[in-house]
Amino acid sequence: YPFCTIDPNKGVIPVRDSRLKTIQQYVHTLRVIPAAVDIWDIAGLV
């Protein structure tokens, strides 16, 4: 998965899904690419 840290407070996190591995057992491919969610570490609050 093309994971990246956008900056020190942002990242792209894959959604772990066992069905992807199951599919690849029967449809042999070069890559497995999961869905993803952008996660932000929001600035602290007072």
All heavy atoms as atom14 arrays in JSON, in Angstrom:
{
  "sequence": "YPFCTIDPNKGVIPVRDSRLKTIQQYVHTLRVIPAAVDIWDIAGLV",
  "atom14_mask": [
    [1, 1, 1, 1, 1, 1, 1, 1, 1, 1, 1, 1, 0, 0],
    [1, 1, 1, 1, 1, 1, 1, 0, 0, 0, 0, 0, 0, 0],
    [1, 1, 1, 1, 1, 1, 1, 1, 1, 1, 1, 0, 0, 0],
    [1, 1, 1, 1, 1, 1, 0, 0, 0, 0, 0, 0, 0, 0],
    [1, 1, 1, 1, 1, 1, 1, 0, 0, 0, 0, 0, 0, 0],
    [1, 1, 1, 1, 1, 1, 1, 1, 0, 0, 0, 0, 0, 0],
    [1, 1, 1, 1, 1, 1, 1, 1, 0, 0, 0, 0, 0, 0],
    [1, 1, 1, 1, 1, 1, 1, 0, 0, 0, 0, 0, 0, 0],
    [1, 1, 1, 1, 1, 1, 1, 1, 0, 0, 0, 0, 0, 0],
    [1, 1, 1, 1, 1, 1, 1, 1, 1, 0, 0, 0, 0, 0],
    [1, 1, 1, 1, 0, 0, 0, 0, 0, 0, 0, 0, 0, 0],
    [1, 1, 1, 1, 1, 1, 1, 0, 0, 0, 0, 0, 0, 0],
    [1, 1, 1, 1, 1, 1, 1, 1, 0, 0, 0, 0, 0, 0],
    [1, 1, 1, 1, 1, 1, 1, 0, 0, 0, 0, 0, 0, 0],
    [1, 1, 1, 1, 1, 1, 1, 0, 0, 0, 0, 0, 0, 0],
    [1, 1, 1, 1, 1, 1, 1, 1, 1, 1, 1, 0, 0, 0],
    [1, 1, 1, 1, 1, 1, 1, 1, 0, 0, 0, 0, 0, 0],
    [1, 1, 1, 1, 1, 1, 0, 0, 0, 0, 0, 0, 0, 0],
    [1, 1, 1, 1, 1, 1, 1, 1, 1, 1, 1, 0, 0, 0],
    [1, 1, 1, 1, 1, 1, 1, 1, 0, 0, 0, 0, 0, 0],
    [1, 1, 1, 1, 1, 1, 1, 1, 1, 0, 0, 0, 0, 0],
    [1, 1, 1, 1, 1, 1, 1, 0, 0, 0, 0, 0, 0, 0],
    [1, 1, 1, 1, 1, 1, 1, 1, 0, 0, 0, 0, 0, 0],
    [1, 1, 1, 1, 1, 1, 1, 1, 1, 0, 0, 0, 0, 0],
    [1, 1, 1, 1, 1, 1, 1, 1, 1, 0, 0, 0, 0, 0],
    [1, 1, 1, 1, 1, 1, 1, 1, 1, 1, 1, 1, 0, 0],
    [1, 1, 1, 1, 1, 1, 1, 0, 0, 0, 0, 0, 0, 0],
    [1, 1, 1, 1, 1, 1, 1, 1, 1, 1, 0, 0, 0, 0],
    [1, 1, 1, 1, 1, 1, 1, 0, 0, 0, 0, 0, 0, 0],
    [1, 1, 1, 1, 1, 1, 1, 1, 0, 0, 0, 0, 0, 0],
    [1, 1, 1, 1, 1, 1, 1, 1, 1, 1, 1, 0, 0, 0],
    [1, 1, 1, 1, 1, 1, 1, 0, 0, 0, 0, 0, 0, 0],
    [1, 1, 1, 1, 1, 1, 1, 1, 0, 0, 0, 0, 0, 0],
    [1, 1, 1, 1, 1, 1, 1, 0, 0, 0, 0, 0, 0, 0],
    [1, 1, 1, 1, 1, 0, 0, 0, 0, 0, 0, 0, 0, 0],
    [1, 1, 1, 1, 1, 0, 0, 0, 0, 0, 0, 0, 0, 0],
    [1, 1, 1, 1, 1, 1, 1, 0, 0, 0, 0, 0, 0, 0],
    [1, 1, 1, 1, 1, 1, 1, 1, 0, 0, 0, 0, 0, 0],
    [1, 1, 1, 1, 1, 1, 1, 1, 0, 0, 0, 0, 0, 0],
    [1, 1, 1, 1, 1, 1, 1, 1, 1, 1, 1, 1, 1, 1],
    [1, 1, 1, 1, 1, 1, 1, 1, 0, 0, 0, 0, 0, 0],
    [1, 1, 1, 1, 1, 1, 1, 1, 0, 0, 0, 0, 0, 0],
    [1, 1, 1, 1, 1, 0, 0, 0, 0, 0, 0, 0, 0, 0],
    [1, 1, 1, 1, 0, 0, 0, 0, 0, 0, 0, 0, 0, 0],
    [1, 1, 1, 1, 1, 1, 1, 1, 0, 0, 0, 0, 0, 0],
    [1, 1, 1, 1, 1, 1, 1, 0, 0, 0, 0, 0, 0, 0]
  ],
  "atom14_positions": [
    [[0.85, -1.19, 0.0], [0.0, 0.0, 0.0], [0.88, 1.24, 0.0], [1.85, 1.3, 0.76], [-0.93, 0.03, 1.23], [-1.87, 1.2, 1.16], [-2.97, 1.16, 0.29], [-1.63, 2.35, 1.87], [-3.8, 2.25, 0.17], [-2.46, 3.45, 1.76], [-3.54, 3.38, 0.91], [-4.36, 4.47, 0.78], [0.0, 0.0, 0.0], [0.0, 0.0, 0.0]],
    [[0.57, 2.23, -0.82], [1.41, 3.42, -0.89], [1.23, 4.3, 0.34], [0.73, 5.42, 0.27], [0.92, 4.12, -2.16], [-0.51, 3.69, -2.3], [-0.54, 2.26, -1.81], [0.0, 0.0, 0.0], [0.0, 0.0, 0.0], [0.0, 0.0, 0.0], [0.0, 0.0, 0.0], [0.0, 0.0, 0.0], [0.0, 0.0, 0.0], [0.0, 0.0, 0.0]],
    [[1.62, 3.76, 1.5], [1.52, 4.52, 2.75], [2.4, 5.75, 2.68], [3.49, 5.72, 2.13], [1.97, 3.64, 3.93], [2.2, 4.43, 5.19], [1.14, 4.73, 6.02], [3.46, 4.89, 5.5], [1.34, 5.48, 7.16], [3.67, 5.64, 6.65], [2.61, 5.92, 7.48], [0.0, 0.0, 0.0], [0.0, 0.0, 0.0], [0.0, 0.0, 0.0]],
    [[1.92, 6.8, 3.27], [2.77, 7.98, 3.38], [2.37, 8.79, 4.59], [1.24, 8.73, 5.05], [2.66, 8.86, 2.13], [1.04, 9.6, 1.89], [0.0, 0.0, 0.0], [0.0, 0.0, 0.0], [0.0, 0.0, 0.0], [0.0, 0.0, 0.0], [0.0, 0.0, 0.0], [0.0, 0.0, 0.0], [0.0, 0.0, 0.0], [0.0, 0.0, 0.0]],
    [[3.34, 9.5, 5.13], [3.05, 10.49, 6.15], [3.02, 11.83, 5.43], [4.03, 12.27, 4.88], [4.13, 10.5, 7.25], [4.1, 9.23, 7.89], [3.83, 11.58, 8.27], [0.0, 0.0, 0.0], [0.0, 0.0, 0.0], [0.0, 0.0, 0.0], [0.0, 0.0, 0.0], [0.0, 0.0, 0.0], [0.0, 0.0, 0.0], [0.0, 0.0, 0.0]],
    [[1.84, 12.44, 5.37], [1.68, 13.68, 4.62], [2.53, 14.78, 5.23], [3.19, 15.55, 4.53], [0.18, 14.08, 4.59], [-0.64, 12.95, 3.95], [-0.03, 15.38, 3.83], [-2.13, 13.11, 4.11], [0.0, 0.0, 0.0], [0.0, 0.0, 0.0], [0.0, 0.0, 0.0], [0.0, 0.0, 0.0], [0.0, 0.0, 0.0], [0.0, 0.0, 0.0]],
    [[2.51, 14.89, 6.53], [3.44, 15.74, 7.27], [3.48, 15.11, 8.66], [2.86, 14.07, 8.88], [3.01, 17.22, 7.26], [1.7, 17.48, 7.99], [1.39, 16.75, 8.97], [0.99, 18.42, 7.61], [0.0, 0.0, 0.0], [0.0, 0.0, 0.0], [0.0, 0.0, 0.0], [0.0, 0.0, 0.0], [0.0, 0.0, 0.0], [0.0, 0.0, 0.0]],
    [[4.23, 15.67, 9.61], [4.35, 14.99, 10.9], [3.04, 14.69, 11.6], [2.99, 13.85, 12.49], [5.2, 15.98, 11.72], [6.03, 16.67, 10.7], [5.13, 16.83, 9.51], [0.0, 0.0, 0.0], [0.0, 0.0, 0.0], [0.0, 0.0, 0.0], [0.0, 0.0, 0.0], [0.0, 0.0, 0.0], [0.0, 0.0, 0.0], [0.0, 0.0, 0.0]],
    [[1.96, 15.37, 11.22], [0.69, 15.18, 11.9], [-0.4, 14.56, 11.03], [-1.57, 14.57, 11.4], [0.19, 16.52, 12.45], [1.14, 17.11, 13.47], [1.62, 16.4, 14.34], [1.44, 18.39, 13.34], [0.0, 0.0, 0.0], [0.0, 0.0, 0.0], [0.0, 0.0, 0.0], [0.0, 0.0, 0.0], [0.0, 0.0, 0.0], [0.0, 0.0, 0.0]],
    [[-0.03, 14.03, 9.88], [-1.03, 13.42, 9.0], [-0.48, 12.13, 8.42], [0.7, 12.05, 8.07], [-1.41, 14.38, 7.86], [-2.04, 15.68, 8.32], [-2.36, 16.58, 7.14], [-2.84, 17.95, 7.61], [-3.1, 18.87, 6.46], [0.0, 0.0, 0.0], [0.0, 0.0, 0.0], [0.0, 0.0, 0.0], [0.0, 0.0, 0.0], [0.0, 0.0, 0.0]],
    [[-1.33, 11.13, 8.31], [-0.91, 9.87, 7.72], [-2.05, 9.18, 7.01], [-3.22, 9.5, 7.24], [0.0, 0.0, 0.0], [0.0, 0.0, 0.0], [0.0, 0.0, 0.0], [0.0, 0.0, 0.0], [0.0, 0.0, 0.0], [0.0, 0.0, 0.0], [0.0, 0.0, 0.0], [0.0, 0.0, 0.0], [0.0, 0.0, 0.0], [0.0, 0.0, 0.0]],
    [[-1.73, 8.27, 6.11], [-2.72, 7.48, 5.39], [-2.66, 6.06, 5.94], [-1.63, 5.4, 5.86], [-2.43, 7.48, 3.88], [-3.5, 6.68, 3.13], [-2.36, 8.9, 3.34], [0.0, 0.0, 0.0], [0.0, 0.0, 0.0], [0.0, 0.0, 0.0], [0.0, 0.0, 0.0], [0.0, 0.0, 0.0], [0.0, 0.0, 0.0], [0.0, 0.0, 0.0]],
    [[-3.77, 5.61, 6.52], [-3.79, 4.35, 7.25], [-4.64, 3.32, 6.51], [-5.81, 3.58, 6.21], [-4.36, 4.54, 8.67], [-3.75, 5.77, 9.35], [-4.13, 3.28, 9.5], [-2.26, 5.75, 9.49], [0.0, 0.0, 0.0], [0.0, 0.0, 0.0], [0.0, 0.0, 0.0], [0.0, 0.0, 0.0], [0.0, 0.0, 0.0], [0.0, 0.0, 0.0]],
    [[-4.09, 2.14, 6.18], [-4.88, 1.11, 5.5], [-5.96, 0.52, 6.39], [-5.78, 0.41, 7.61], [-3.83, 0.05, 5.13], [-2.73, 0.24, 6.11], [-2.7, 1.7, 6.43], [0.0, 0.0, 0.0], [0.0, 0.0, 0.0], [0.0, 0.0, 0.0], [0.0, 0.0, 0.0], [0.0, 0.0, 0.0], [0.0, 0.0, 0.0], [0.0, 0.0, 0.0]],
    [[-7.08, 0.16, 5.78], [-8.17, -0.53, 6.47], [-7.94, -2.02, 6.32], [-8.07, -2.57, 5.22], [-9.55, -0.14, 5.88], [-10.67, -0.86, 6.62], [-9.75, 1.38, 5.96], [0.0, 0.0, 0.0], [0.0, 0.0, 0.0], [0.0, 0.0, 0.0], [0.0, 0.0, 0.0], [0.0, 0.0, 0.0], [0.0, 0.0, 0.0], [0.0, 0.0, 0.0]],
    [[-7.56, -2.68, 7.41], [-7.27, -4.12, 7.35], [-8.53, -4.9, 7.01], [-9.55, -4.77, 7.68], [-6.72, -4.59, 8.69], [-5.54, -3.77, 9.21], [-4.29, -4.03, 8.41], [-3.19, -3.18, 8.87], [-1.98, -3.21, 8.38], [-1.68, -4.03, 7.4], [-1.04, -2.41, 8.84], [0.0, 0.0, 0.0], [0.0, 0.0, 0.0], [0.0, 0.0, 0.0]],
    [[-8.47, -5.71, 5.97], [-9.64, -6.46, 5.52], [-9.18, -7.83, 5.04], [-8.52, -7.96, 4.0], [-10.33, -5.72, 4.37], [-11.72, -6.26, 4.06], [-11.92, -7.48, 4.22], [-12.58, -5.48, 3.64], [0.0, 0.0, 0.0], [0.0, 0.0, 0.0], [0.0, 0.0, 0.0], [0.0, 0.0, 0.0], [0.0, 0.0, 0.0], [0.0, 0.0, 0.0]],
    [[-9.51, -8.86, 5.82], [-9.03, -10.22, 5.52], [-9.57, -10.74, 4.19], [-9.0, -11.67, 3.61], [-9.44, -11.17, 6.65], [-10.85, -11.23, 6.79], [0.0, 0.0, 0.0], [0.0, 0.0, 0.0], [0.0, 0.0, 0.0], [0.0, 0.0, 0.0], [0.0, 0.0, 0.0], [0.0, 0.0, 0.0], [0.0, 0.0, 0.0], [0.0, 0.0, 0.0]],
    [[-10.64, -10.14, 3.68], [-11.21, -10.61, 2.42], [-10.26, -10.39, 1.25], [-10.3, -11.13, 0.26], [-12.55, -9.92, 2.16], [-13.63, -10.27, 3.18], [-14.89, -9.46, 3.0], [-14.66, -8.03, 3.22], [-15.63, -7.12, 3.23], [-16.9, -7.51, 3.06], [-15.36, -5.84, 3.43], [0.0, 0.0, 0.0], [0.0, 0.0, 0.0], [0.0, 0.0, 0.0]],
    [[-9.39, -9.39, 1.36], [-8.41, -9.15, 0.29], [-7.46, -10.33, 0.13], [-7.17, -10.77, -0.99], [-7.63, -7.87, 0.58], [-8.37, -6.55, 0.37], [-7.63, -5.41, 1.05], [-8.54, -6.27, -1.11], [0.0, 0.0, 0.0], [0.0, 0.0, 0.0], [0.0, 0.0, 0.0], [0.0, 0.0, 0.0], [0.0, 0.0, 0.0], [0.0, 0.0, 0.0]],
    [[-6.97, -10.86, 1.25], [-6.07, -12.02, 1.19], [-6.81, -13.25, 0.66], [-6.23, -14.05, -0.07], [-5.49, -12.3, 2.57], [-4.44, -11.28, 3.03], [-3.8, -11.71, 4.34], [-2.71, -10.73, 4.75], [-2.07, -11.12, 6.04], [0.0, 0.0, 0.0], [0.0, 0.0, 0.0], [0.0, 0.0, 0.0], [0.0, 0.0, 0.0], [0.0, 0.0, 0.0]],
    [[-8.07, -13.37, 1.04], [-8.87, -14.5, 0.55], [-9.0, -14.44, -0.97], [-8.81, -15.45, -1.66], [-10.26, -14.5, 1.19], [-10.13, -14.58, 2.61], [-11.09, -15.67, 0.68], [0.0, 0.0, 0.0], [0.0, 0.0, 0.0], [0.0, 0.0, 0.0], [0.0, 0.0, 0.0], [0.0, 0.0, 0.0], [0.0, 0.0, 0.0], [0.0, 0.0, 0.0]],
    [[-9.3, -13.25, -1.5], [-9.42, -13.1, -2.95], [-8.11, -13.45, -3.63], [-8.08, -14.16, -4.65], [-9.84, -11.66, -3.3], [-11.26, -11.38, -2.79], [-9.8, -11.45, -4.82], [-11.67, -9.92, -2.89], [0.0, 0.0, 0.0], [0.0, 0.0, 0.0], [0.0, 0.0, 0.0], [0.0, 0.0, 0.0], [0.0, 0.0, 0.0], [0.0, 0.0, 0.0]],
    [[-6.98, -13.0, -3.08], [-5.7, -13.24, -3.73], [-5.3, -14.71, -3.73], [-4.49, -15.14, -4.55], [-4.59, -12.4, -3.09], [-3.4, -12.25, -4.03], [-2.21, -11.57, -3.4], [-1.98, -11.7, -2.21], [-1.46, -10.85, -4.21], [0.0, 0.0, 0.0], [0.0, 0.0, 0.0], [0.0, 0.0, 0.0], [0.0, 0.0, 0.0], [0.0, 0.0, 0.0]],
    [[-5.87, -15.49, -2.84], [-5.61, -16.92, -2.85], [-6.11, -17.58, -4.14], [-5.57, -18.59, -4.59], [-6.28, -17.6, -1.66], [-5.65, -17.26, -0.32], [-6.41, -17.89, 0.84], [-7.27, -18.75, 0.64], [-6.13, -17.44, 2.05], [0.0, 0.0, 0.0], [0.0, 0.0, 0.0], [0.0, 0.0, 0.0], [0.0, 0.0, 0.0], [0.0, 0.0, 0.0]],
    [[-7.13, -16.98, -4.74], [-7.76, -17.57, -5.93], [-7.52, -16.75, -7.19], [-7.57, -17.28, -8.3], [-9.27, -17.74, -5.68], [-9.57, -18.59, -4.49], [-9.86, -18.02, -3.25], [-9.55, -19.99, -4.58], [-10.13, -18.8, -2.14], [-9.83, -20.78, -3.48], [-10.11, -20.18, -2.25], [-10.37, -20.97, -1.16], [0.0, 0.0, 0.0], [0.0, 0.0, 0.0]],
    [[-7.31, -15.44, -7.03], [-7.0, -14.57, -8.17], [-5.61, -14.01, -7.93], [-5.44, -13.03, -7.22], [-8.03, -13.42, -8.31], [-7.73, -12.58, -9.55], [-9.45, -13.97, -8.38], [0.0, 0.0, 0.0], [0.0, 0.0, 0.0], [0.0, 0.0, 0.0], [0.0, 0.0, 0.0], [0.0, 0.0, 0.0], [0.0, 0.0, 0.0], [0.0, 0.0, 0.0]],
    [[-4.61, -14.67, -8.48], [-3.22, -14.32, -8.17], [-2.82, -13.03, -8.91], [-2.87, -12.96, -10.13], [-2.29, -15.47, -8.56], [-2.65, -16.76, -7.9], [-2.55, -16.93, -6.53], [-3.15, -17.92, -8.39], [-2.94, -18.16, -6.22], [-3.31, -18.78, -7.32], [0.0, 0.0, 0.0], [0.0, 0.0, 0.0], [0.0, 0.0, 0.0], [0.0, 0.0, 0.0]],
    [[-2.46, -12.03, -8.12], [-2.13, -10.73, -8.69], [-0.81, -10.23, -8.11], [-0.27, -10.79, -7.15], [-3.23, -9.7, -8.37], [-3.31, -9.56, -6.95], [-4.57, -10.15, -8.91], [0.0, 0.0, 0.0], [0.0, 0.0, 0.0], [0.0, 0.0, 0.0], [0.0, 0.0, 0.0], [0.0, 0.0, 0.0], [0.0, 0.0, 0.0], [0.0, 0.0, 0.0]],
    [[-0.3, -9.15, -8.69], [0.98, -8.61, -8.26], [0.86, -7.83, -6.95], [1.78, -7.82, -6.13], [1.56, -7.67, -9.34], [1.88, -8.33, -10.68], [2.33, -7.27, -11.69], [2.96, -9.4, -10.51], [0.0, 0.0, 0.0], [0.0, 0.0, 0.0], [0.0, 0.0, 0.0], [0.0, 0.0, 0.0], [0.0, 0.0, 0.0], [0.0, 0.0, 0.0]],
    [[-0.29, -7.14, -6.76], [-0.43, -6.25, -5.61], [-1.78, -6.44, -4.93], [-2.76, -6.84, -5.57], [-0.33, -4.77, -6.04], [1.01, -4.37, -6.63], [1.03, -2.88, -6.94], [-0.02, -2.49, -7.87], [0.1, -2.55, -9.2], [1.21, -2.99, -9.73], [-0.91, -2.17, -9.98], [0.0, 0.0, 0.0], [0.0, 0.0, 0.0], [0.0, 0.0, 0.0]],
    [[-1.79, -6.12, -3.64], [-3.03, -6.06, -2.88], [-3.12, -4.65, -2.3], [-2.22, -4.21, -1.58], [-3.07, -7.08, -1.73], [-4.34, -6.9, -0.9], [-3.0, -8.5, -2.28], [0.0, 0.0, 0.0], [0.0, 0.0, 0.0], [0.0, 0.0, 0.0], [0.0, 0.0, 0.0], [0.0, 0.0, 0.0], [0.0, 0.0, 0.0], [0.0, 0.0, 0.0]],
    [[-4.17, -3.93, -2.67], [-4.3, -2.54, -2.22], [-5.58, -2.39, -1.39], [-6.69, -2.47, -1.93], [-4.34, -1.56, -3.41], [-3.06, -1.73, -4.25], [-4.47, -0.12, -2.92], [-2.98, -0.81, -5.44], [0.0, 0.0, 0.0], [0.0, 0.0, 0.0], [0.0, 0.0, 0.0], [0.0, 0.0, 0.0], [0.0, 0.0, 0.0], [0.0, 0.0, 0.0]],
    [[-5.42, -2.17, -0.09], [-6.61, -2.0, 0.76], [-7.2, -0.6, 0.64], [-6.59, 0.3, 0.06], [-6.06, -2.24, 2.17], [-4.63, -1.77, 2.08], [-4.17, -2.1, 0.68], [0.0, 0.0, 0.0], [0.0, 0.0, 0.0], [0.0, 0.0, 0.0], [0.0, 0.0, 0.0], [0.0, 0.0, 0.0], [0.0, 0.0, 0.0], [0.0, 0.0, 0.0]],
    [[-8.37, -0.43, 1.2], [-8.93, 0.91, 1.36], [-8.1, 1.65, 2.4], [-7.27, 1.05, 3.1], [-10.39, 0.82, 1.79], [0.0, 0.0, 0.0], [0.0, 0.0, 0.0], [0.0, 0.0, 0.0], [0.0, 0.0, 0.0], [0.0, 0.0, 0.0], [0.0, 0.0, 0.0], [0.0, 0.0, 0.0], [0.0, 0.0, 0.0], [0.0, 0.0, 0.0]],
    [[-8.31, 2.95, 2.53], [-7.51, 3.73, 3.46], [-8.3, 4.9, 4.01], [-9.29, 5.34, 3.42], [-6.24, 4.24, 2.78], [0.0, 0.0, 0.0], [0.0, 0.0, 0.0], [0.0, 0.0, 0.0], [0.0, 0.0, 0.0], [0.0, 0.0, 0.0], [0.0, 0.0, 0.0], [0.0, 0.0, 0.0], [0.0, 0.0, 0.0], [0.0, 0.0, 0.0]],
    [[-7.85, 5.38, 5.16], [-8.42, 6.57, 5.79], [-7.28, 7.53, 6.13], [-6.24, 7.11, 6.64], [-9.18, 6.21, 7.09], [-9.72, 7.46, 7.77], [-10.32, 5.23, 6.8], [0.0, 0.0, 0.0], [0.0, 0.0, 0.0], [0.0, 0.0, 0.0], [0.0, 0.0, 0.0], [0.0, 0.0, 0.0], [0.0, 0.0, 0.0], [0.0, 0.0, 0.0]],
    [[-7.46, 8.8, 5.82], [-6.49, 9.82, 6.24], [-6.72, 10.13, 7.72], [-7.85, 10.42, 8.12], [-6.66, 11.11, 5.44], [-6.3, 10.95, 3.97], [-5.78, 9.89, 3.6], [-6.53, 11.9, 3.21], [0.0, 0.0, 0.0], [0.0, 0.0, 0.0], [0.0, 0.0, 0.0], [0.0, 0.0, 0.0], [0.0, 0.0, 0.0], [0.0, 0.0, 0.0]],
    [[-5.65, 10.05, 8.5], [-5.75, 10.34, 9.93], [-4.92, 11.57, 10.25], [-3.75, 11.66, 9.86], [-5.26, 9.15, 10.78], [-6.13, 7.9, 10.52], [-5.3, 9.5, 12.27], [-7.56, 8.01, 10.98], [0.0, 0.0, 0.0], [0.0, 0.0, 0.0], [0.0, 0.0, 0.0], [0.0, 0.0, 0.0], [0.0, 0.0, 0.0], [0.0, 0.0, 0.0]],
    [[-5.52, 12.51, 10.97], [-4.83, 13.73, 11.4], [-4.66, 13.71, 12.91], [-5.6, 13.38, 13.64], [-5.65, 14.98, 11.05], [-5.87, 15.25, 9.6], [-5.96, 14.34, 8.58], [-6.07, 16.53, 9.0], [-6.2, 14.99, 7.39], [-6.28, 16.33, 7.62], [-6.11, 17.83, 9.51], [-6.5, 17.38, 6.74], [-6.33, 18.88, 8.64], [-6.53, 18.66, 7.26]],
    [[-3.47, 14.05, 13.37], [-3.25, 14.28, 14.78], [-3.5, 15.76, 15.02], [-2.65, 16.61, 14.77], [-1.81, 13.89, 15.15], [-1.55, 13.98, 16.65], [-2.52, 14.15, 17.41], [-0.37, 13.89, 17.06], [0.0, 0.0, 0.0], [0.0, 0.0, 0.0], [0.0, 0.0, 0.0], [0.0, 0.0, 0.0], [0.0, 0.0, 0.0], [0.0, 0.0, 0.0]],
    [[-4.72, 16.08, 15.46], [-5.14, 17.47, 15.58], [-4.37, 18.19, 16.69], [-4.1, 17.61, 17.74], [-6.66, 17.55, 15.87], [-7.47, 16.85, 14.76], [-7.11, 19.0, 16.03], [-7.48, 17.55, 13.45], [0.0, 0.0, 0.0], [0.0, 0.0, 0.0], [0.0, 0.0, 0.0], [0.0, 0.0, 0.0], [0.0, 0.0, 0.0], [0.0, 0.0, 0.0]],
    [[-4.05, 19.45, 16.45], [-3.33, 20.25, 17.44], [-4.02, 20.18, 18.79], [-5.24, 20.12, 18.89], [-3.26, 21.71, 16.97], [0.0, 0.0, 0.0], [0.0, 0.0, 0.0], [0.0, 0.0, 0.0], [0.0, 0.0, 0.0], [0.0, 0.0, 0.0], [0.0, 0.0, 0.0], [0.0, 0.0, 0.0], [0.0, 0.0, 0.0], [0.0, 0.0, 0.0]],
    [[-3.21, 20.2, 19.87], [-3.75, 20.09, 21.22], [-4.73, 21.21, 21.55], [-4.67, 22.3, 21.01], [0.0, 0.0, 0.0], [0.0, 0.0, 0.0], [0.0, 0.0, 0.0], [0.0, 0.0, 0.0], [0.0, 0.0, 0.0], [0.0, 0.0, 0.0], [0.0, 0.0, 0.0], [0.0, 0.0, 0.0], [0.0, 0.0, 0.0], [0.0, 0.0, 0.0]],
    [[-5.63, 20.91, 22.47], [-6.67, 21.87, 22.83], [-6.54, 22.3, 24.28], [-6.18, 21.5, 25.15], [-8.06, 21.24, 22.62], [-9.24, 22.08, 23.08], [-10.35, 22.07, 22.05], [-9.78, 21.56, 24.42], [0.0, 0.0, 0.0], [0.0, 0.0, 0.0], [0.0, 0.0, 0.0], [0.0, 0.0, 0.0], [0.0, 0.0, 0.0], [0.0, 0.0, 0.0]],
    [[-6.83, 23.55, 24.52], [-6.93, 24.07, 25.89], [-8.27, 24.78, 26.02], [-8.91, 25.11, 25.03], [-5.79, 25.06, 26.22], [-4.44, 24.38, 26.16], [-5.83, 26.27, 25.27], [0.0, 0.0, 0.0], [0.0, 0.0, 0.0], [0.0, 0.0, 0.0], [0.0, 0.0, 0.0], [0.0, 0.0, 0.0], [0.0, 0.0, 0.0], [0.0, 0.0, 0.0]]
  ]
}
